[in-house]
Amino acid sequence: MAVMASRELVQNGAGVKRSARALGSSDPNEVPDCLKKLVRTIVRSFYSREHSLIMDLLVRNTIMKEDDLCERLRFEKKQLR
């Protein structure tokens, strides 16, 4: 039973890698452009300008410290929280 479960996980993991390649991404950890565009569109449609600015920076740079966000956006830390 455990062997079957591990095989399913391996097959599912391979399917995820294949689907990432099918979307044009060579790195499986990279977010596809179509998803980035979708996130930006949704945030711009339903949230404030501040939220959309933050999301734009996070889409471009997926890993950012809070201090770096404050510095780039010229926000106070209270505004980001």
PDB file of N, CA and C in Angstrom:
ATOM      1  N   MET A   1       0.823  -1.184   0.000  1.00  0.00           N
ATOM      2  CA  MET A   1       0.000   0.000   0.000  1.00  0.00           C
ATOM      3  C   MET A   1       0.875   1.259   0.000  1.00  0.00           C
ATOM      4  N   ALA A   2       1.921   1.268   0.812  1.00  0.00           N
ATOM      5  CA  ALA A   2       2.809   2.431   0.874  1.00  0.00           C
ATOM      6  C   ALA A   2       3.555   2.625  -0.438  1.00  0.00           C
ATOM      7  N   VAL A   3       3.896   1.523  -1.095  1.00  0.00           N
ATOM      8  CA  VAL A   3       4.600   1.612  -2.373  1.00  0.00           C
ATOM      9  C   VAL A   3       3.705   2.261  -3.420  1.00  0.00           C
ATOM     10  N   MET A   4       2.424   1.909  -3.417  1.00  0.00           N
ATOM     11  CA  MET A   4       1.489   2.508  -4.378  1.00  0.00           C
ATOM     12  C   MET A   4       1.355   4.005  -4.138  1.00  0.00           C
ATOM     13  N   ALA A   5       1.277   4.400  -2.865  1.00  0.00           N
ATOM     14  CA  ALA A   5       1.142   5.817  -2.542  1.00  0.00           C
ATOM     15  C   ALA A   5       2.375   6.592  -2.984  1.00  0.00           C
ATOM     16  N   SER A   6       3.562   6.024  -2.765  1.00  0.00           N
ATOM     17  CA  SER A   6       4.779   6.732  -3.167  1.00  0.00           C
ATOM     18  C   SER A   6       4.878   6.834  -4.684  1.00  0.00           C
ATOM     19  N   ARG A   7       4.425   5.804  -5.403  1.00  0.00           N
ATOM     20  CA  ARG A   7       4.429   5.874  -6.864  1.00  0.00           C
ATOM     21  C   ARG A   7       3.494   6.962  -7.362  1.00  0.00           C
ATOM     22  N   GLU A   8       2.329   7.080  -6.714  1.00  0.00           N
ATOM     23  CA  GLU A   8       1.379   8.124  -7.111  1.00  0.00           C
ATOM     24  C   GLU A   8       1.982   9.501  -6.892  1.00  0.00           C
ATOM     25  N   LEU A   9       2.684   9.689  -5.770  1.00  0.00           N
ATOM     26  CA  LEU A   9       3.310  10.978  -5.497  1.00  0.00           C
ATOM     27  C   LEU A   9       4.369  11.303  -6.538  1.00  0.00           C
ATOM     28  N   VAL A  10       5.164  10.316  -6.891  1.00  0.00           N
ATOM     29  CA  VAL A  10       6.200  10.535  -7.903  1.00  0.00           C
ATOM     30  C   VAL A  10       5.556  10.886  -9.235  1.00  0.00           C
ATOM     31  N   GLN A  11       4.501  10.185  -9.590  1.00  0.00           N
ATOM     32  CA  GLN A  11       3.825  10.466 -10.853  1.00  0.00           C
ATOM     33  C   GLN A  11       3.184  11.848 -10.820  1.00  0.00           C
ATOM     34  N   ASN A  12       2.565  12.206  -9.699  1.00  0.00           N
ATOM     35  CA  ASN A  12       1.952  13.530  -9.592  1.00  0.00           C
ATOM     36  C   ASN A  12       3.005  14.626  -9.644  1.00  0.00           C
ATOM     37  N   GLY A  13       4.133  14.413  -8.987  1.00  0.00           N
ATOM     38  CA  GLY A  13       5.212  15.394  -9.028  1.00  0.00           C
ATOM     39  C   GLY A  13       5.747  15.575 -10.430  1.00  0.00           C
ATOM     40  N   ALA A  14       5.877  14.486 -11.162  1.00  0.00           N
ATOM     41  CA  ALA A  14       6.350  14.570 -12.548  1.00  0.00           C
ATOM     42  C   ALA A  14       5.343  15.312 -13.404  1.00  0.00           C
ATOM     43  N   GLY A  15       4.064  15.122 -13.116  1.00  0.00           N
ATOM     44  CA  GLY A  15       3.021  15.830 -13.859  1.00  0.00           C
ATOM     45  C   GLY A  15       3.088  17.325 -13.636  1.00  0.00           C
ATOM     46  N   VAL A  16       3.409  17.720 -12.416  1.00  0.00           N
ATOM     47  CA  VAL A  16       3.541  19.149 -12.118  1.00  0.00           C
ATOM     48  C   VAL A  16       4.714  19.729 -12.890  1.00  0.00           C
ATOM     49  N   LYS A  17       5.825  19.011 -12.932  1.00  0.00           N
ATOM     50  CA  LYS A  17       6.994  19.498 -13.662  1.00  0.00           C
ATOM     51  C   LYS A  17       6.693  19.602 -15.151  1.00  0.00           C
ATOM     52  N   ARG A  18       5.982  18.612 -15.671  1.00  0.00           N
ATOM     53  CA  ARG A  18       5.640  18.651 -17.096  1.00  0.00           C
ATOM     54  C   ARG A  18       4.716  19.822 -17.401  1.00  0.00           C
ATOM     55  N   SER A  19       3.754  20.080 -16.511  1.00  0.00           N
ATOM     56  CA  SER A  19       2.828  21.182 -16.776  1.00  0.00           C
ATOM     57  C   SER A  19       3.542  22.525 -16.683  1.00  0.00           C
ATOM     58  N   ALA A  20       4.538  22.643 -15.804  1.00  0.00           N
ATOM     59  CA  ALA A  20       5.315  23.882 -15.718  1.00  0.00           C
ATOM     60  C   ALA A  20       6.095  24.106 -17.003  1.00  0.00           C
ATOM     61  N   ARG A  21       6.643  23.022 -17.561  1.00  0.00           N
ATOM     62  CA  ARG A  21       7.365  23.147 -18.826  1.00  0.00           C
ATOM     63  C   ARG A  21       6.416  23.497 -19.954  1.00  0.00           C
ATOM     64  N   ALA A  22       5.226  22.956 -19.915  1.00  0.00           N
ATOM     65  CA  ALA A  22       4.250  23.222 -20.976  1.00  0.00           C
ATOM     66  C   ALA A  22       3.841  24.687 -20.986  1.00  0.00           C
ATOM     67  N   LEU A  23       3.903  25.342 -19.826  1.00  0.00           N
ATOM     68  CA  LEU A  23       3.551  26.755 -19.753  1.00  0.00           C
ATOM     69  C   LEU A  23       4.709  27.659 -20.167  1.00  0.00           C
ATOM     70  N   GLY A  24       5.830  27.093 -20.568  1.00  0.00           N
ATOM     71  CA  GLY A  24       6.943  27.887 -21.073  1.00  0.00           C
ATOM     72  C   GLY A  24       8.024  28.156 -20.052  1.00  0.00           C
ATOM     73  N   SER A  25       7.941  27.578 -18.893  1.00  0.00           N
ATOM     74  CA  SER A  25       8.917  27.810 -17.845  1.00  0.00           C
ATOM     75  C   SER A  25       9.926  26.673 -17.815  1.00  0.00           C
ATOM     76  N   SER A  26      11.206  26.999 -17.850  1.00  0.00           N
ATOM     77  CA  SER A  26      12.225  25.957 -17.778  1.00  0.00           C
ATOM     78  C   SER A  26      12.501  25.576 -16.326  1.00  0.00           C
ATOM     79  N   ASP A  27      12.279  26.497 -15.395  1.00  0.00           N
ATOM     80  CA  ASP A  27      12.486  26.250 -13.973  1.00  0.00           C
ATOM     81  C   ASP A  27      11.140  25.923 -13.327  1.00  0.00           C
ATOM     82  N   PRO A  28      11.001  24.763 -12.682  1.00  0.00           N
ATOM     83  CA  PRO A  28       9.704  24.412 -12.088  1.00  0.00           C
ATOM     84  C   PRO A  28       9.309  25.316 -10.925  1.00  0.00           C
ATOM     85  N   ASN A  29      10.253  26.068 -10.336  1.00  0.00           N
ATOM     86  CA  ASN A  29       9.934  26.972  -9.234  1.00  0.00           C
ATOM     87  C   ASN A  29       9.503  28.350  -9.712  1.00  0.00           C
ATOM     88  N   GLU A  30       9.648  28.629 -10.990  1.00  0.00           N
ATOM     89  CA  GLU A  30       9.300  29.933 -11.546  1.00  0.00           C
ATOM     90  C   GLU A  30       7.794  30.016 -11.790  1.00  0.00           C
ATOM     91  N   VAL A  31       7.230  31.174 -11.492  1.00  0.00           N
ATOM     92  CA  VAL A  31       5.798  31.386 -11.702  1.00  0.00           C
ATOM     93  C   VAL A  31       5.568  31.743 -13.169  1.00  0.00           C
ATOM     94  N   PRO A  32       4.648  31.057 -13.841  1.00  0.00           N
ATOM     95  CA  PRO A  32       4.376  31.350 -15.256  1.00  0.00           C
ATOM     96  C   PRO A  32       3.840  32.771 -15.452  1.00  0.00           C
ATOM     97  N   ASP A  33       4.155  33.367 -16.593  1.00  0.00           N
ATOM     98  CA  ASP A  33       3.746  34.737 -16.891  1.00  0.00           C
ATOM     99  C   ASP A  33       2.232  34.905 -16.879  1.00  0.00           C
ATOM    100  N   CYS A  34       1.504  33.899 -17.351  1.00  0.00           N
ATOM    101  CA  CYS A  34       0.043  34.012 -17.385  1.00  0.00           C
ATOM    102  C   CYS A  34      -0.528  34.121 -15.970  1.00  0.00           C
ATOM    103  N   LEU A  35       0.074  33.444 -14.991  1.00  0.00           N
ATOM    104  CA  LEU A  35      -0.396  33.547 -13.612  1.00  0.00           C
ATOM    105  C   LEU A  35      -0.032  34.893 -12.999  1.00  0.00           C
ATOM    106  N   LYS A  36       1.145  35.412 -13.347  1.00  0.00           N
ATOM    107  CA  LYS A  36       1.530  36.742 -12.866  1.00  0.00           C
ATOM    108  C   LYS A  36       0.542  37.788 -13.363  1.00  0.00           C
ATOM    109  N   LYS A  37       0.184  37.696 -14.630  1.00  0.00           N
ATOM    110  CA  LYS A  37      -0.757  38.642 -15.223  1.00  0.00           C
ATOM    111  C   LYS A  37      -2.133  38.518 -14.572  1.00  0.00           C
ATOM    112  N   LEU A  38      -2.560  37.295 -14.297  1.00  0.00           N
ATOM    113  CA  LEU A  38      -3.848  37.063 -13.650  1.00  0.00           C
ATOM    114  C   LEU A  38      -3.890  37.695 -12.263  1.00  0.00           C
ATOM    115  N   VAL A  39      -2.836  37.498 -11.480  1.00  0.00           N
ATOM    116  CA  VAL A  39      -2.773  38.064 -10.129  1.00  0.00           C
ATOM    117  C   VAL A  39      -2.819  39.581 -10.191  1.00  0.00           C
ATOM    118  N   ARG A  40      -2.042  40.173 -11.085  1.00  0.00           N
ATOM    119  CA  ARG A  40      -2.042  41.633 -11.213  1.00  0.00           C
ATOM    120  C   ARG A  40      -3.421  42.157 -11.596  1.00  0.00           C
ATOM    121  N   THR A  41      -4.081  41.505 -12.526  1.00  0.00           N
ATOM    122  CA  THR A  41      -5.401  41.944 -12.975  1.00  0.00           C
ATOM    123  C   THR A  41      -6.419  41.862 -11.845  1.00  0.00           C
ATOM    124  N   ILE A  42      -6.400  40.778 -11.095  1.00  0.00           N
ATOM    125  CA  ILE A  42      -7.350  40.611  -9.992  1.00  0.00           C
ATOM    126  C   ILE A  42      -7.116  41.654  -8.917  1.00  0.00           C
ATOM    127  N   VAL A  43      -5.858  41.870  -8.551  1.00  0.00           N
ATOM    128  CA  VAL A  43      -5.555  42.844  -7.496  1.00  0.00           C
ATOM    129  C   VAL A  43      -5.941  44.247  -7.938  1.00  0.00           C
ATOM    130  N   ARG A  44      -5.656  44.604  -9.175  1.00  0.00           N
ATOM    131  CA  ARG A  44      -6.014  45.939  -9.669  1.00  0.00           C
ATOM    132  C   ARG A  44      -7.524  46.133  -9.731  1.00  0.00           C
ATOM    133  N   SER A  45      -8.257  45.063  -9.979  1.00  0.00           N
ATOM    134  CA  SER A  45      -9.711  45.166 -10.106  1.00  0.00           C
ATOM    135  C   SER A  45     -10.417  45.290  -8.761  1.00  0.00           C
ATOM    136  N   PHE A  46      -9.931  44.592  -7.748  1.00  0.00           N
ATOM    137  CA  PHE A  46     -10.676  44.488  -6.501  1.00  0.00           C
ATOM    138  C   PHE A  46     -10.034  45.168  -5.295  1.00  0.00           C
ATOM    139  N   TYR A  47      -8.796  45.613  -5.405  1.00  0.00           N
ATOM    140  CA  TYR A  47      -8.102  46.170  -4.252  1.00  0.00           C
ATOM    141  C   TYR A  47      -7.635  47.597  -4.532  1.00  0.00           C
ATOM    142  N   SER A  48      -7.142  48.247  -3.488  1.00  0.00           N
ATOM    143  CA  SER A  48      -6.714  49.641  -3.598  1.00  0.00           C
ATOM    144  C   SER A  48      -5.387  49.758  -4.349  1.00  0.00           C
ATOM    145  N   ARG A  49      -4.998  50.998  -4.638  1.00  0.00           N
ATOM    146  CA  ARG A  49      -3.732  51.246  -5.344  1.00  0.00           C
ATOM    147  C   ARG A  49      -2.534  50.762  -4.540  1.00  0.00           C
ATOM    148  N   GLU A  50      -2.601  50.969  -3.223  1.00  0.00           N
ATOM    149  CA  GLU A  50      -1.488  50.534  -2.380  1.00  0.00           C
ATOM    150  C   GLU A  50      -1.283  49.026  -2.491  1.00  0.00           C
ATOM    151  N   HIS A  51      -2.385  48.292  -2.456  1.00  0.00           N
ATOM    152  CA  HIS A  51      -2.289  46.837  -2.579  1.00  0.00           C
ATOM    153  C   HIS A  51      -1.731  46.432  -3.944  1.00  0.00           C
ATOM    154  N   SER A  52      -2.163  47.116  -4.982  1.00  0.00           N
ATOM    155  CA  SER A  52      -1.676  46.749  -6.318  1.00  0.00           C
ATOM    156  C   SER A  52      -0.192  47.082  -6.485  1.00  0.00           C
ATOM    157  N   LEU A  53       0.273  48.167  -5.870  1.00  0.00           N
ATOM    158  CA  LEU A  53       1.704  48.490  -5.918  1.00  0.00           C
ATOM    159  C   LEU A  53       2.531  47.425  -5.209  1.00  0.00           C
ATOM    160  N   ILE A  54       2.060  47.014  -4.052  1.00  0.00           N
ATOM    161  CA  ILE A  54       2.765  45.975  -3.301  1.00  0.00           C
ATOM    162  C   ILE A  54       2.795  44.673  -4.095  1.00  0.00           C
ATOM    163  N   MET A  55       1.663  44.316  -4.681  1.00  0.00           N
ATOM    164  CA  MET A  55       1.602  43.067  -5.441  1.00  0.00           C
ATOM    165  C   MET A  55       2.498  43.118  -6.676  1.00  0.00           C
ATOM    166  N   ASP A  56       2.565  44.270  -7.337  1.00  0.00           N
ATOM    167  CA  ASP A  56       3.459  44.403  -8.496  1.00  0.00           C
ATOM    168  C   ASP A  56       4.912  44.133  -8.104  1.00  0.00           C
ATOM    169  N   LEU A  57       5.323  44.700  -6.978  1.00  0.00           N
ATOM    170  CA  LEU A  57       6.697  44.460  -6.523  1.00  0.00           C
ATOM    171  C   LEU A  57       6.917  43.002  -6.152  1.00  0.00           C
ATOM    172  N   LEU A  58       5.932  42.390  -5.509  1.00  0.00           N
ATOM    173  CA  LEU A  58       6.089  40.992  -5.109  1.00  0.00           C
ATOM    174  C   LEU A  58       6.053  40.038  -6.295  1.00  0.00           C
ATOM    175  N   VAL A  59       5.332  40.411  -7.346  1.00  0.00           N
ATOM    176  CA  VAL A  59       5.328  39.569  -8.546  1.00  0.00           C
ATOM    177  C   VAL A  59       6.686  39.639  -9.232  1.00  0.00           C
ATOM    178  N   ARG A  60       7.276  40.823  -9.267  1.00  0.00           N
ATOM    179  CA  ARG A  60       8.600  40.977  -9.887  1.00  0.00           C
ATOM    180  C   ARG A  60       9.692  40.327  -9.055  1.00  0.00           C
ATOM    181  N   ASN A  61       9.638  40.572  -7.746  1.00  0.00           N
ATOM    182  CA  ASN A  61      10.648  40.040  -6.817  1.00  0.00           C
ATOM    183  C   ASN A  61       9.918  39.181  -5.793  1.00  0.00           C
ATOM    184  N   THR A  62       9.910  37.888  -5.995  1.00  0.00           N
ATOM    185  CA  THR A  62       9.095  37.023  -5.143  1.00  0.00           C
ATOM    186  C   THR A  62       9.569  36.979  -3.695  1.00  0.00           C
ATOM    187  N   ILE A  63      10.828  37.282  -3.461  1.00  0.00           N
ATOM    188  CA  ILE A  63      11.344  37.293  -2.093  1.00  0.00           C
ATOM    189  C   ILE A  63      11.853  38.694  -1.790  1.00  0.00           C
ATOM    190  N   MET A  64      11.165  39.366  -0.865  1.00  0.00           N
ATOM    191  CA  MET A  64      11.571  40.713  -0.454  1.00  0.00           C
ATOM    192  C   MET A  64      11.365  40.859   1.041  1.00  0.00           C
ATOM    193  N   LYS A  65      12.264  41.573   1.673  1.00  0.00           N
ATOM    194  CA  LYS A  65      12.102  41.877   3.090  1.00  0.00           C
ATOM    195  C   LYS A  65      11.129  43.038   3.232  1.00  0.00           C
ATOM    196  N   GLU A  66      10.518  43.105   4.390  1.00  0.00           N
ATOM    197  CA  GLU A  66       9.562  44.175   4.659  1.00  0.00           C
ATOM    198  C   GLU A  66      10.240  45.544   4.574  1.00  0.00           C
ATOM    199  N   ASP A  67      11.459  45.627   5.060  1.00  0.00           N
ATOM    200  CA  ASP A  67      12.199  46.891   5.013  1.00  0.00           C
ATOM    201  C   ASP A  67      12.454  47.336   3.576  1.00  0.00           C
ATOM    202  N   ASP A  68      12.770  46.386   2.699  1.00  0.00           N
ATOM    203  CA  ASP A  68      13.000  46.711   1.288  1.00  0.00           C
ATOM    204  C   ASP A  68      11.717  47.206   0.623  1.00  0.00           C
ATOM    205  N   LEU A  69      10.602  46.574   0.965  1.00  0.00           N
ATOM    206  CA  LEU A  69       9.316  47.029   0.425  1.00  0.00           C
ATOM    207  C   LEU A  69       9.020  48.458   0.867  1.00  0.00           C
ATOM    208  N   CYS A  70       9.234  48.731   2.143  1.00  0.00           N
ATOM    209  CA  CYS A  70       9.001  50.083   2.667  1.00  0.00           C
ATOM    210  C   CYS A  70       9.874  51.102   1.951  1.00  0.00           C
ATOM    211  N   GLU A  71      11.121  50.744   1.748  1.00  0.00           N
ATOM    212  CA  GLU A  71      12.063  51.654   1.108  1.00  0.00           C
ATOM    213  C   GLU A  71      11.672  51.928  -0.343  1.00  0.00           C
ATOM    214  N   ARG A  72      11.335  50.889  -1.085  1.00  0.00           N
ATOM    215  CA  ARG A  72      10.997  51.065  -2.504  1.00  0.00           C
ATOM    216  C   ARG A  72       9.678  51.801  -2.704  1.00  0.00           C
ATOM    217  N   LEU A  73       8.707  51.521  -1.851  1.00  0.00           N
ATOM    218  CA  LEU A  73       7.394  52.151  -2.003  1.00  0.00           C
ATOM    219  C   LEU A  73       7.293  53.482  -1.264  1.00  0.00           C
ATOM    220  N   ARG A  74       8.295  53.746  -0.427  1.00  0.00           N
ATOM    221  CA  ARG A  74       8.296  54.948   0.416  1.00  0.00           C
ATOM    222  C   ARG A  74       7.073  54.968   1.332  1.00  0.00           C
ATOM    223  N   PHE A  75       6.760  53.796   1.865  1.00  0.00           N
ATOM    224  CA  PHE A  75       5.683  53.638   2.842  1.00  0.00           C
ATOM    225  C   PHE A  75       6.305  53.541   4.222  1.00  0.00           C
ATOM    226  N   GLU A  76       5.497  53.849   5.229  1.00  0.00           N
ATOM    227  CA  GLU A  76       5.911  53.582   6.594  1.00  0.00           C
ATOM    228  C   GLU A  76       5.578  52.130   6.906  1.00  0.00           C
ATOM    229  N   LYS A  77       6.257  51.575   7.912  1.00  0.00           N
ATOM    230  CA  LYS A  77       6.002  50.170   8.247  1.00  0.00           C
ATOM    231  C   LYS A  77       4.549  49.951   8.656  1.00  0.00           C
ATOM    232  N   LYS A  78       3.952  50.933   9.313  1.00  0.00           N
ATOM    233  CA  LYS A  78       2.556  50.809   9.735  1.00  0.00           C
ATOM    234  C   LYS A  78       1.634  50.655   8.531  1.00  0.00           C
ATOM    235  N   GLN A  79       1.971  51.329   7.452  1.00  0.00           N
ATOM    236  CA  GLN A  79       1.151  51.256   6.241  1.00  0.00           C
ATOM    237  C   GLN A  79       1.182  49.868   5.619  1.00  0.00           C
ATOM    238  N   LEU A  80       2.321  49.205   5.694  1.00  0.00           N
ATOM    239  CA  LEU A  80       2.441  47.874   5.101  1.00  0.00           C
ATOM    240  C   LEU A  80       1.737  46.807   5.922  1.00  0.00           C
ATOM    241  N   ARG A  81       1.617  47.008   7.176  1.00  0.00           N
ATOM    242  CA  ARG A  81       0.987  45.995   8.028  1.00  0.00           C
ATOM    243  C   ARG A  81      -0.472  46.154   7.917  1.00  0.00           C
TER     244      ARG A  81
END
